[in-house]
Amino acid sequence: MKDFKSIYQEEYEKLNKQQKQAVDSVEGPVMVIAGPGTGKTQILSRRVANILTNYNTTKKRLVV
């Protein structure tokens, strides 16, 4: 069974350059404007995973 961090890394590698930029932006809010089916929800979930995986925070400190 894979651990959370390895699953996150696999999913992160599937993102394009602009999506990675949104996921990697952890200071302050991020606005993603795109049409239906373009991966906005995936970006949001991967951004949360990025913060939980790579920064010293807990899920109780996040508002999504």
C-alpha atoms as a PDB file:
ATOM      1  CA  MET A   1       0.000   0.000   0.000  1.00  0.00           C
ATOM      2  CA  LYS A   2       1.348   3.407  -0.986  1.00  0.00           C
ATOM      3  CA  ASP A   3       1.704   6.149   1.562  1.00  0.00           C
ATOM      4  CA  PHE A   4       0.007   9.536   1.262  1.00  0.00           C
ATOM      5  CA  LYS A   5       3.155  11.388   0.205  1.00  0.00           C
ATOM      6  CA  SER A   6       3.945   9.025  -2.690  1.00  0.00           C
ATOM      7  CA  ILE A   7       0.345   9.181  -3.939  1.00  0.00           C
ATOM      8  CA  TYR A   8       0.463  12.980  -3.723  1.00  0.00           C
ATOM      9  CA  GLN A   9       3.721  13.069  -5.708  1.00  0.00           C
ATOM     10  CA  GLU A  10       2.302  10.819  -8.448  1.00  0.00           C
ATOM     11  CA  GLU A  11      -0.782  13.015  -8.784  1.00  0.00           C
ATOM     12  CA  TYR A  12       1.296  16.207  -8.714  1.00  0.00           C
ATOM     13  CA  GLU A  13       3.368  15.006 -11.664  1.00  0.00           C
ATOM     14  CA  LYS A  14       0.189  14.771 -13.777  1.00  0.00           C
ATOM     15  CA  LEU A  15      -0.417  18.535 -13.517  1.00  0.00           C
ATOM     16  CA  ASN A  16       0.588  21.020 -16.198  1.00  0.00           C
ATOM     17  CA  LYS A  17       2.779  24.061 -15.473  1.00  0.00           C
ATOM     18  CA  GLN A  18      -0.089  26.439 -14.640  1.00  0.00           C
ATOM     19  CA  GLN A  19      -1.794  23.880 -12.402  1.00  0.00           C
ATOM     20  CA  LYS A  20       1.467  23.256 -10.525  1.00  0.00           C
ATOM     21  CA  GLN A  21       1.834  26.997 -10.014  1.00  0.00           C
ATOM     22  CA  ALA A  22      -1.623  27.155  -8.377  1.00  0.00           C
ATOM     23  CA  VAL A  23      -0.900  24.105  -6.203  1.00  0.00           C
ATOM     24  CA  ASP A  24       2.481  25.483  -5.121  1.00  0.00           C
ATOM     25  CA  SER A  25       1.076  28.906  -4.136  1.00  0.00           C
ATOM     26  CA  VAL A  26       0.499  28.497  -0.418  1.00  0.00           C
ATOM     27  CA  GLU A  27       0.602  32.092   0.835  1.00  0.00           C
ATOM     28  CA  GLY A  28      -2.832  33.674   0.751  1.00  0.00           C
ATOM     29  CA  PRO A  29      -5.781  32.894  -1.499  1.00  0.00           C
ATOM     30  CA  VAL A  30      -5.542  31.672  -5.087  1.00  0.00           C
ATOM     31  CA  MET A  31      -8.171  32.326  -7.752  1.00  0.00           C
ATOM     32  CA  VAL A  32      -8.445  29.772 -10.548  1.00  0.00           C
ATOM     33  CA  ILE A  33     -10.608  30.816 -13.487  1.00  0.00           C
ATOM     34  CA  ALA A  34     -11.313  28.060 -15.994  1.00  0.00           C
ATOM     35  CA  GLY A  35     -14.131  26.327 -17.799  1.00  0.00           C
ATOM     36  CA  PRO A  36     -15.958  23.159 -16.784  1.00  0.00           C
ATOM     37  CA  GLY A  37     -13.917  19.975 -16.727  1.00  0.00           C
ATOM     38  CA  THR A  38     -10.536  21.689 -16.636  1.00  0.00           C
ATOM     39  CA  GLY A  39      -9.391  20.381 -13.245  1.00  0.00           C
ATOM     40  CA  LYS A  40     -10.281  23.163 -10.799  1.00  0.00           C
ATOM     41  CA  THR A  41     -11.397  20.703  -8.117  1.00  0.00           C
ATOM     42  CA  GLN A  42      -8.258  18.603  -8.648  1.00  0.00           C
ATOM     43  CA  ILE A  43      -6.128  21.717  -8.179  1.00  0.00           C
ATOM     44  CA  LEU A  44      -7.941  22.557  -4.945  1.00  0.00           C
ATOM     45  CA  SER A  45      -7.564  19.060  -3.501  1.00  0.00           C
ATOM     46  CA  ARG A  46      -3.904  18.853  -4.521  1.00  0.00           C
ATOM     47  CA  ARG A  47      -3.223  22.286  -3.057  1.00  0.00           C
ATOM     48  CA  VAL A  48      -4.653  21.124   0.277  1.00  0.00           C
ATOM     49  CA  ALA A  49      -2.592  17.920   0.037  1.00  0.00           C
ATOM     50  CA  ASN A  50       0.515  20.009  -0.711  1.00  0.00           C
ATOM     51  CA  ILE A  51      -0.028  22.167   2.371  1.00  0.00           C
ATOM     52  CA  LEU A  52      -0.660  19.163   4.620  1.00  0.00           C
ATOM     53  CA  THR A  53       2.276  17.195   3.199  1.00  0.00           C
ATOM     54  CA  ASN A  54       4.982  19.835   2.933  1.00  0.00           C
ATOM     55  CA  TYR A  55       4.200  22.497   5.548  1.00  0.00           C
ATOM     56  CA  ASN A  56       3.936  22.393   9.301  1.00  0.00           C
ATOM     57  CA  THR A  57       0.161  22.670   9.611  1.00  0.00           C
ATOM     58  CA  THR A  58      -2.845  20.566  10.509  1.00  0.00           C
ATOM     59  CA  LYS A  59      -6.184  20.093   8.794  1.00  0.00           C
ATOM     60  CA  LYS A  60      -7.820  22.070  11.603  1.00  0.00           C
ATOM     61  CA  ARG A  61      -6.009  25.207  10.404  1.00  0.00           C
ATOM     62  CA  LEU A  62      -7.311  25.042   6.810  1.00  0.00           C
ATOM     63  CA  VAL A  63     -10.447  26.626   5.411  1.00  0.00           C
ATOM     64  CA  VAL A  64     -11.427  25.317   1.993  1.00  0.00           C
END
